Amino acid sequence: MSEAIFRGISGRLHRFSAHRPHEQFAAAPAVYCFARPGPGGRGWTPLFLSRTGNLAKRLAAHEQWPEATLLGATHILVHEHDERDAREYVEADLAEALRPVMNGPMFEAELEERVEAGGVRLIWAA
């Protein structure tokens, strides 16, 4: 499992390389994803998806990694791309298609629409 290929909502394929979290990362711009092995050990299940202008700096002490490990994350998937617009496109394309759990159960706009329509109820709160 040295790479992952995900299909975005656009239908385009996006290739990521798989890395262990303790590896040294390049100070390069990239889209990255915290992931766990997929069902039956096949493929990857994305848990958190984002982009950065400096991967090494961003991953040095990422505030979301501890939560990701609690959800089973074992790897960081990386799609390096120099152009900011391209990174934004890849992130948006995949976020809509994959809906990683740590990026929220729904996108904020979708949640707001459901709240306004009366389709969201609080079931339990601590």
C-alpha atoms as a PDB file:
ATOM      1  CA  MET A   1       0.000   0.000   0.000  1.00  0.00           C
ATOM      2  CA  SER A   2       2.469   2.641  -1.133  1.00  0.00           C
ATOM      3  CA  GLU A   3      -0.087   4.750  -2.978  1.00  0.00           C
ATOM      4  CA  ALA A   4      -3.760   5.554  -3.097  1.00  0.00           C
ATOM      5  CA  ILE A   5      -5.919   6.763  -5.961  1.00  0.00           C
ATOM      6  CA  PHE A   6      -9.198   8.494  -5.183  1.00  0.00           C
ATOM      7  CA  ARG A   7     -11.924   9.596  -7.595  1.00  0.00           C
ATOM      8  CA  GLY A   8     -13.218  13.088  -6.957  1.00  0.00           C
ATOM      9  CA  ILE A   9     -16.820  14.237  -7.384  1.00  0.00           C
ATOM     10  CA  SER A  10     -15.714  15.522 -10.819  1.00  0.00           C
ATOM     11  CA  GLY A  11     -14.741  11.999 -11.862  1.00  0.00           C
ATOM     12  CA  ARG A  12     -11.040  12.911 -11.988  1.00  0.00           C
ATOM     13  CA  LEU A  13      -8.529  10.582 -10.349  1.00  0.00           C
ATOM     14  CA  HIS A  14      -6.065  11.937  -7.790  1.00  0.00           C
ATOM     15  CA  ARG A  15      -2.934   9.930  -6.842  1.00  0.00           C
ATOM     16  CA  PHE A  16      -1.477  10.068  -3.329  1.00  0.00           C
ATOM     17  CA  SER A  17       1.662   8.470  -1.894  1.00  0.00           C
ATOM     18  CA  ALA A  18       1.303   6.716   1.486  1.00  0.00           C
ATOM     19  CA  HIS A  19       3.679   7.597   4.325  1.00  0.00           C
ATOM     20  CA  ARG A  20       4.113   6.630   7.965  1.00  0.00           C
ATOM     21  CA  PRO A  21       3.621   9.623  10.292  1.00  0.00           C
ATOM     22  CA  HIS A  22       7.212   9.491  11.639  1.00  0.00           C
ATOM     23  CA  GLU A  23       8.750   9.997   8.173  1.00  0.00           C
ATOM     24  CA  GLN A  24      10.439  13.238   7.163  1.00  0.00           C
ATOM     25  CA  PHE A  25       8.175  15.266   4.883  1.00  0.00           C
ATOM     26  CA  ALA A  26       9.325  17.720   2.245  1.00  0.00           C
ATOM     27  CA  ALA A  27       8.764  21.433   2.802  1.00  0.00           C
ATOM     28  CA  ALA A  28       6.581  21.307  -0.309  1.00  0.00           C
ATOM     29  CA  PRO A  29       3.014  22.381  -1.006  1.00  0.00           C
ATOM     30  CA  ALA A  30       0.559  19.478  -0.959  1.00  0.00           C
ATOM     31  CA  VAL A  31      -2.886  18.099  -0.304  1.00  0.00           C
ATOM     32  CA  TYR A  32      -2.684  15.596   2.543  1.00  0.00           C
ATOM     33  CA  CYS A  33      -4.967  13.075   4.145  1.00  0.00           C
ATOM     34  CA  PHE A  34      -4.897  11.160   7.430  1.00  0.00           C
ATOM     35  CA  ALA A  35      -6.073   7.647   6.612  1.00  0.00           C
ATOM     36  CA  ARG A  36      -6.586   4.177   8.002  1.00  0.00           C
ATOM     37  CA  PRO A  37      -6.521   0.923   6.046  1.00  0.00           C
ATOM     38  CA  GLY A  38      -9.817   0.225   4.319  1.00  0.00           C
ATOM     39  CA  PRO A  39     -12.159  -2.686   5.064  1.00  0.00           C
ATOM     40  CA  GLY A  40     -10.347  -5.995   4.953  1.00  0.00           C
ATOM     41  CA  GLY A  41      -7.023  -4.148   4.673  1.00  0.00           C
ATOM     42  CA  ARG A  42      -7.783  -3.134   1.093  1.00  0.00           C
ATOM     43  CA  GLY A  43      -7.337   0.469   0.051  1.00  0.00           C
ATOM     44  CA  TRP A  44      -7.618   3.465   2.354  1.00  0.00           C
ATOM     45  CA  THR A  45     -10.342   5.184   4.354  1.00  0.00           C
ATOM     46  CA  PRO A  46      -9.677   8.956   4.496  1.00  0.00           C
ATOM     47  CA  LEU A  47     -10.374  10.480   7.918  1.00  0.00           C
ATOM     48  CA  PHE A  48      -9.144  14.063   7.463  1.00  0.00           C
ATOM     49  CA  LEU A  49      -8.300  15.974   4.285  1.00  0.00           C
ATOM     50  CA  SER A  50      -6.599  19.353   3.942  1.00  0.00           C
ATOM     51  CA  ARG A  51      -3.969  21.309   1.999  1.00  0.00           C
ATOM     52  CA  THR A  52      -0.871  23.274   2.928  1.00  0.00           C
ATOM     53  CA  GLY A  53       1.873  25.390   1.423  1.00  0.00           C
ATOM     54  CA  ASN A  54       4.544  23.641   3.546  1.00  0.00           C
ATOM     55  CA  LEU A  55       3.886  19.997   4.353  1.00  0.00           C
ATOM     56  CA  ALA A  56       6.862  19.525   6.704  1.00  0.00           C
ATOM     57  CA  LYS A  57       5.927  22.517   8.841  1.00  0.00           C
ATOM     58  CA  ARG A  58       2.209  21.680   8.904  1.00  0.00           C
ATOM     59  CA  LEU A  59       2.691  18.040   9.894  1.00  0.00           C
ATOM     60  CA  ALA A  60       5.385  18.723  12.514  1.00  0.00           C
ATOM     61  CA  ALA A  61       2.746  18.980  15.260  1.00  0.00           C
ATOM     62  CA  HIS A  62      -0.663  18.683  13.615  1.00  0.00           C
ATOM     63  CA  GLU A  63      -3.492  19.267  16.088  1.00  0.00           C
ATOM     64  CA  GLN A  64      -5.788  16.744  14.336  1.00  0.00           C
ATOM     65  CA  TRP A  65      -3.358  13.780  14.331  1.00  0.00           C
ATOM     66  CA  PRO A  66      -4.142  12.534  17.896  1.00  0.00           C
ATOM     67  CA  GLU A  67      -7.864  12.367  17.078  1.00  0.00           C
ATOM     68  CA  ALA A  68      -7.094  10.683  13.764  1.00  0.00           C
ATOM     69  CA  THR A  69      -5.096   7.963  15.538  1.00  0.00           C
ATOM     70  CA  LEU A  70      -8.031   7.344  17.866  1.00  0.00           C
ATOM     71  CA  LEU A  71     -10.068   6.693  14.720  1.00  0.00           C
ATOM     72  CA  GLY A  72      -7.436   4.251  13.425  1.00  0.00           C
ATOM     73  CA  ALA A  73      -5.205   6.458  11.265  1.00  0.00           C
ATOM     74  CA  THR A  74      -1.893   4.792  10.493  1.00  0.00           C
ATOM     75  CA  HIS A  75      -0.696   6.753   7.454  1.00  0.00           C
ATOM     76  CA  ILE A  76      -0.545  10.190   5.917  1.00  0.00           C
ATOM     77  CA  LEU A  77      -1.407  10.273   2.227  1.00  0.00           C
ATOM     78  CA  VAL A  78       0.279  13.030   0.229  1.00  0.00           C
ATOM     79  CA  HIS A  79      -0.512  14.588  -3.160  1.00  0.00           C
ATOM     80  CA  GLU A  80       2.215  17.144  -3.898  1.00  0.00           C
ATOM     81  CA  HIS A  81       1.253  20.026  -6.161  1.00  0.00           C
ATOM     82  CA  ASP A  82       2.970  23.398  -6.536  1.00  0.00           C
ATOM     83  CA  GLU A  83       0.005  25.415  -7.799  1.00  0.00           C
ATOM     84  CA  ARG A  84      -2.308  26.736  -5.084  1.00  0.00           C
ATOM     85  CA  ASP A  85      -5.382  26.692  -7.343  1.00  0.00           C
ATOM     86  CA  ALA A  86      -4.734  23.050  -8.196  1.00  0.00           C
ATOM     87  CA  ARG A  87      -4.421  22.124  -4.491  1.00  0.00           C
ATOM     88  CA  GLU A  88      -7.671  23.927  -3.718  1.00  0.00           C
ATOM     89  CA  TYR A  89      -9.380  22.098  -6.583  1.00  0.00           C
ATOM     90  CA  VAL A  90      -8.094  18.662  -5.501  1.00  0.00           C
ATOM     91  CA  GLU A  91      -9.108  19.274  -1.884  1.00  0.00           C
ATOM     92  CA  ALA A  92     -12.625  20.416  -2.826  1.00  0.00           C
ATOM     93  CA  ASP A  93     -13.077  17.664  -5.418  1.00  0.00           C
ATOM     94  CA  LEU A  94     -12.134  14.929  -2.955  1.00  0.00           C
ATOM     95  CA  ALA A  95     -13.787  16.432   0.122  1.00  0.00           C
ATOM     96  CA  GLU A  96     -17.146  16.381  -1.614  1.00  0.00           C
ATOM     97  CA  ALA A  97     -16.669  12.852  -2.958  1.00  0.00           C
ATOM     98  CA  LEU A  98     -15.072  11.207   0.094  1.00  0.00           C
ATOM     99  CA  ARG A  99     -16.576  13.222   2.962  1.00  0.00           C
ATOM    100  CA  PRO A 100     -13.843  12.416   5.520  1.00  0.00           C
ATOM    101  CA  VAL A 101     -15.345  12.028   8.980  1.00  0.00           C
ATOM    102  CA  MET A 102     -12.981  14.530  10.637  1.00  0.00           C
ATOM    103  CA  ASN A 103     -13.882  17.221   8.129  1.00  0.00           C
ATOM    104  CA  GLY A 104     -17.310  17.151   9.751  1.00  0.00           C
ATOM    105  CA  PRO A 105     -20.291  14.861   9.413  1.00  0.00           C
ATOM    106  CA  MET A 106     -21.541  17.254   6.758  1.00  0.00           C
ATOM    107  CA  PHE A 107     -20.213  20.378   5.226  1.00  0.00           C
ATOM    108  CA  GLU A 108     -21.275  23.502   7.102  1.00  0.00           C
ATOM    109  CA  ALA A 109     -23.528  24.780   4.310  1.00  0.00           C
ATOM    110  CA  GLU A 110     -25.312  21.423   4.116  1.00  0.00           C
ATOM    111  CA  LEU A 111     -25.744  21.376   7.910  1.00  0.00           C
ATOM    112  CA  GLU A 112     -27.150  24.921   7.883  1.00  0.00           C
ATOM    113  CA  GLU A 113     -29.639  23.935   5.167  1.00  0.00           C
ATOM    114  CA  ARG A 114     -30.801  20.934   7.202  1.00  0.00           C
ATOM    115  CA  VAL A 115     -31.130  22.992  10.387  1.00  0.00           C
ATOM    116  CA  GLU A 116     -33.181  25.639   8.578  1.00  0.00           C
ATOM    117  CA  ALA A 117     -35.403  22.938   7.081  1.00  0.00           C
ATOM    118  CA  GLY A 118     -35.908  21.361  10.516  1.00  0.00           C
ATOM    119  CA  GLY A 119     -34.097  18.169   9.483  1.00  0.00           C
ATOM    120  CA  VAL A 120     -31.535  18.135  12.305  1.00  0.00           C
ATOM    121  CA  ARG A 121     -32.406  17.224  15.894  1.00  0.00           C
ATOM    122  CA  LEU A 122     -30.175  17.060  18.950  1.00  0.00           C
ATOM    123  CA  ILE A 123     -30.335  13.475  20.208  1.00  0.00           C
ATOM    124  CA  TRP A 124     -27.865  13.595  23.075  1.00  0.00           C
ATOM    125  CA  ALA A 125     -25.490  16.110  24.599  1.00  0.00           C
ATOM    126  CA  ALA A 126     -23.064  15.959  27.493  1.00  0.00           C
END
